[in-house]
């Protein structure tokens, strides 16, 4: 598994606006830039923070996948850095 790359992608979703914008438009393409296993990609596609935690990602980083979910995207928390 590539927990570093998985964590890096989630961190980039929060802190790198360019990555976030690209992921919003084409998340599959963004995932190809990271060394991820198929299990990790499936967890990202599902937007499942619990599964990401089981894969070794820090609990706070796991939540950043929700930034891509329109239901959560406009929440003030996700806009803060």
N, C-alpha and C. Protein backbone atom coordinates (compact mmCIF):
# COMPACT_ATOMS: atom_id res chain seq x y z
N UNK A 1 0.83 -1.18 0.00
CA UNK A 1 0.00 0.00 0.00
C UNK A 1 0.87 1.25 0.00
N UNK A 2 0.28 2.33 -0.38
CA UNK A 2 1.02 3.59 -0.51
C UNK A 2 0.40 4.65 0.38
N UNK A 3 0.40 4.43 1.65
CA UNK A 3 -0.26 5.34 2.60
C UNK A 3 0.25 6.77 2.45
N UNK A 4 1.54 6.92 2.13
CA UNK A 4 2.06 8.28 1.96
C UNK A 4 1.33 8.98 0.81
N UNK A 5 1.24 8.33 -0.33
CA UNK A 5 0.60 8.95 -1.48
C UNK A 5 -0.89 9.20 -1.24
N UNK A 6 -1.53 8.29 -0.56
CA UNK A 6 -2.94 8.46 -0.22
C UNK A 6 -3.11 9.68 0.69
N UNK A 7 -2.28 9.78 1.69
CA UNK A 7 -2.32 10.93 2.60
C UNK A 7 -1.97 12.22 1.86
N UNK A 8 -1.00 12.14 0.97
CA UNK A 8 -0.57 13.32 0.21
C UNK A 8 -1.72 13.84 -0.67
N UNK A 9 -2.42 12.95 -1.32
CA UNK A 9 -3.55 13.36 -2.15
C UNK A 9 -4.61 14.08 -1.31
N UNK A 10 -4.94 13.52 -0.17
CA UNK A 10 -5.94 14.14 0.69
C UNK A 10 -5.46 15.50 1.22
N UNK A 11 -4.19 15.59 1.57
CA UNK A 11 -3.62 16.87 2.01
C UNK A 11 -3.68 17.89 0.88
N UNK A 12 -3.33 17.46 -0.32
CA UNK A 12 -3.37 18.36 -1.47
C UNK A 12 -4.78 18.84 -1.78
N UNK A 13 -5.77 17.99 -1.57
CA UNK A 13 -7.16 18.41 -1.78
C UNK A 13 -7.52 19.59 -0.89
N UNK A 14 -6.96 19.62 0.30
CA UNK A 14 -7.26 20.70 1.24
C UNK A 14 -6.40 21.93 1.01
N UNK A 15 -5.12 21.73 0.77
CA UNK A 15 -4.17 22.84 0.79
C UNK A 15 -3.77 23.39 -0.58
N UNK A 16 -4.00 22.63 -1.64
CA UNK A 16 -3.56 23.05 -2.96
C UNK A 16 -4.81 23.30 -3.83
N UNK A 17 -5.11 24.55 -4.04
CA UNK A 17 -6.34 24.92 -4.77
C UNK A 17 -6.35 24.36 -6.19
N UNK A 18 -5.19 24.30 -6.85
CA UNK A 18 -5.13 23.75 -8.21
C UNK A 18 -5.51 22.27 -8.21
N UNK A 19 -5.02 21.52 -7.25
CA UNK A 19 -5.37 20.09 -7.16
C UNK A 19 -6.87 19.95 -6.88
N UNK A 20 -7.38 20.76 -5.98
CA UNK A 20 -8.80 20.71 -5.66
C UNK A 20 -9.66 21.00 -6.90
N UNK A 21 -9.30 22.02 -7.65
CA UNK A 21 -10.07 22.38 -8.86
C UNK A 21 -10.00 21.27 -9.90
N UNK A 22 -8.82 20.69 -10.09
CA UNK A 22 -8.69 19.57 -11.04
C UNK A 22 -9.48 18.37 -10.57
N UNK A 23 -9.44 18.08 -9.27
CA UNK A 23 -10.17 16.94 -8.71
C UNK A 23 -11.67 17.14 -8.83
N UNK A 24 -12.13 18.36 -8.67
CA UNK A 24 -13.56 18.65 -8.81
C UNK A 24 -14.03 18.37 -10.23
N UNK A 25 -13.15 18.61 -11.20
CA UNK A 25 -13.50 18.40 -12.60
C UNK A 25 -13.26 16.96 -13.06
N UNK A 26 -12.17 16.34 -12.60
CA UNK A 26 -11.80 15.00 -13.08
C UNK A 26 -10.95 14.29 -12.02
N UNK A 27 -11.61 13.75 -11.02
CA UNK A 27 -10.90 13.11 -9.90
C UNK A 27 -10.11 11.88 -10.35
N UNK A 28 -10.63 11.15 -11.31
CA UNK A 28 -9.91 9.96 -11.80
C UNK A 28 -8.54 10.34 -12.33
N UNK A 29 -8.47 11.42 -13.08
CA UNK A 29 -7.20 11.86 -13.64
C UNK A 29 -6.24 12.32 -12.54
N UNK A 30 -6.74 12.99 -11.54
CA UNK A 30 -5.90 13.44 -10.43
C UNK A 30 -5.31 12.23 -9.70
N UNK A 31 -6.11 11.20 -9.49
CA UNK A 31 -5.62 10.01 -8.78
C UNK A 31 -4.46 9.35 -9.50
N UNK A 32 -4.37 9.48 -10.82
CA UNK A 32 -3.28 8.85 -11.56
C UNK A 32 -1.92 9.48 -11.23
N UNK A 33 -1.92 10.69 -10.67
CA UNK A 33 -0.68 11.35 -10.30
C UNK A 33 -0.11 10.89 -8.98
N UNK A 34 -0.77 9.94 -8.33
CA UNK A 34 -0.33 9.42 -7.04
C UNK A 34 -0.24 7.90 -7.14
N UNK A 35 0.69 7.32 -6.42
CA UNK A 35 0.89 5.87 -6.43
C UNK A 35 -0.10 5.22 -5.47
N UNK A 36 -1.28 4.91 -5.99
CA UNK A 36 -2.36 4.37 -5.16
C UNK A 36 -2.73 2.95 -5.58
N UNK A 37 -3.07 2.13 -4.59
CA UNK A 37 -3.57 0.78 -4.88
C UNK A 37 -5.02 0.88 -5.33
N UNK A 38 -5.53 -0.19 -5.89
CA UNK A 38 -6.93 -0.20 -6.32
C UNK A 38 -7.86 -0.05 -5.12
N UNK A 39 -7.49 -0.63 -3.97
CA UNK A 39 -8.30 -0.50 -2.76
C UNK A 39 -8.36 0.96 -2.30
N UNK A 40 -7.24 1.65 -2.39
CA UNK A 40 -7.20 3.06 -2.01
C UNK A 40 -8.04 3.90 -2.96
N UNK A 41 -7.93 3.62 -4.24
CA UNK A 41 -8.75 4.35 -5.22
C UNK A 41 -10.23 4.12 -5.00
N UNK A 42 -10.60 2.89 -4.68
CA UNK A 42 -12.01 2.58 -4.40
C UNK A 42 -12.51 3.35 -3.19
N UNK A 43 -11.69 3.44 -2.14
CA UNK A 43 -12.08 4.19 -0.94
C UNK A 43 -12.23 5.67 -1.25
N UNK A 44 -11.35 6.20 -2.09
CA UNK A 44 -11.45 7.60 -2.48
C UNK A 44 -12.71 7.85 -3.31
N UNK A 45 -12.96 6.97 -4.25
CA UNK A 45 -14.17 7.11 -5.08
C UNK A 45 -15.43 7.07 -4.23
N UNK A 46 -15.42 6.22 -3.22
CA UNK A 46 -16.59 6.08 -2.34
C UNK A 46 -16.72 7.27 -1.40
N UNK A 47 -15.63 8.02 -1.22
CA UNK A 47 -15.66 9.16 -0.30
C UNK A 47 -15.85 8.72 1.14
N UNK A 48 -15.25 7.58 1.49
CA UNK A 48 -15.48 6.95 2.78
C UNK A 48 -14.33 7.23 3.76
N UNK A 49 -14.48 8.21 4.66
CA UNK A 49 -13.41 8.52 5.61
C UNK A 49 -13.04 7.34 6.52
N UNK A 50 -14.01 6.52 6.88
CA UNK A 50 -13.70 5.37 7.75
C UNK A 50 -12.78 4.38 7.04
N UNK A 51 -13.05 4.12 5.78
CA UNK A 51 -12.21 3.20 5.03
C UNK A 51 -10.81 3.78 4.85
N UNK A 52 -10.74 5.08 4.59
CA UNK A 52 -9.43 5.73 4.45
C UNK A 52 -8.63 5.61 5.75
N UNK A 53 -9.30 5.74 6.87
CA UNK A 53 -8.64 5.59 8.18
C UNK A 53 -8.12 4.18 8.35
N UNK A 54 -8.90 3.19 7.94
CA UNK A 54 -8.47 1.80 8.02
C UNK A 54 -7.25 1.54 7.14
N UNK A 55 -7.11 2.33 6.09
CA UNK A 55 -5.97 2.18 5.19
C UNK A 55 -4.72 2.90 5.70
N UNK A 56 -4.85 3.55 6.87
CA UNK A 56 -3.68 4.14 7.51
C UNK A 56 -3.58 5.65 7.46
N UNK A 57 -4.58 6.32 6.92
CA UNK A 57 -4.54 7.78 6.83
C UNK A 57 -4.93 8.39 8.18
N UNK A 58 -4.28 9.47 8.54
CA UNK A 58 -4.61 10.18 9.78
C UNK A 58 -6.08 10.61 9.74
N UNK A 59 -6.73 10.55 10.88
CA UNK A 59 -8.16 10.84 10.97
C UNK A 59 -8.57 12.19 10.42
N UNK A 60 -7.77 13.22 10.63
CA UNK A 60 -8.11 14.54 10.10
C UNK A 60 -7.99 14.59 8.58
N UNK A 61 -6.98 13.94 8.03
CA UNK A 61 -6.82 13.93 6.57
C UNK A 61 -7.96 13.19 5.90
N UNK A 62 -8.48 12.18 6.56
CA UNK A 62 -9.58 11.38 5.98
C UNK A 62 -10.78 12.25 5.63
N UNK A 63 -11.01 13.26 6.41
CA UNK A 63 -12.19 14.10 6.21
C UNK A 63 -12.10 14.97 4.95
N UNK A 64 -10.90 15.20 4.46
CA UNK A 64 -10.75 16.09 3.31
C UNK A 64 -11.37 15.53 2.03
N UNK A 65 -11.61 14.23 1.98
CA UNK A 65 -12.29 13.66 0.81
C UNK A 65 -13.69 14.23 0.69
N UNK A 66 -14.27 14.62 1.80
CA UNK A 66 -15.62 15.20 1.79
C UNK A 66 -15.67 16.55 1.07
N UNK A 67 -14.53 17.17 0.89
CA UNK A 67 -14.49 18.46 0.21
C UNK A 67 -15.00 18.34 -1.23
N UNK A 68 -14.91 17.17 -1.81
CA UNK A 68 -15.39 16.96 -3.18
C UNK A 68 -16.88 16.70 -3.24
N UNK A 69 -17.51 16.48 -2.11
CA UNK A 69 -18.93 16.20 -2.06
C UNK A 69 -19.71 17.51 -2.04
N UNK A 70 -20.59 17.74 -3.03
CA UNK A 70 -21.31 19.02 -3.09
C UNK A 70 -22.09 19.34 -1.81
N UNK A 71 -22.56 18.35 -1.11
CA UNK A 71 -23.31 18.57 0.13
C UNK A 71 -22.44 19.24 1.20
N UNK A 72 -21.15 18.95 1.20
CA UNK A 72 -20.24 19.48 2.21
C UNK A 72 -19.39 20.64 1.70
N UNK A 73 -19.26 20.76 0.40
CA UNK A 73 -18.31 21.70 -0.22
C UNK A 73 -18.51 23.14 0.24
N UNK A 74 -19.74 23.58 0.40
CA UNK A 74 -20.00 24.98 0.73
C UNK A 74 -19.96 25.27 2.23
N UNK A 75 -19.70 24.26 3.03
CA UNK A 75 -19.57 24.45 4.47
C UNK A 75 -18.33 25.30 4.76
N UNK A 76 -18.44 26.22 5.68
CA UNK A 76 -17.35 27.15 6.00
C UNK A 76 -16.07 26.41 6.40
N UNK A 77 -16.20 25.24 7.03
CA UNK A 77 -15.03 24.47 7.46
C UNK A 77 -14.11 24.15 6.28
N UNK A 78 -14.70 23.76 5.16
CA UNK A 78 -13.90 23.31 4.02
C UNK A 78 -13.20 24.48 3.34
N UNK A 79 -13.71 25.70 3.52
CA UNK A 79 -13.09 26.87 2.92
C UNK A 79 -11.88 27.35 3.71
N UNK A 80 -11.76 26.95 4.95
CA UNK A 80 -10.66 27.39 5.81
C UNK A 80 -9.41 26.59 5.51
N UNK A 81 -8.27 27.25 5.68
CA UNK A 81 -6.99 26.57 5.49
C UNK A 81 -6.18 26.69 6.75
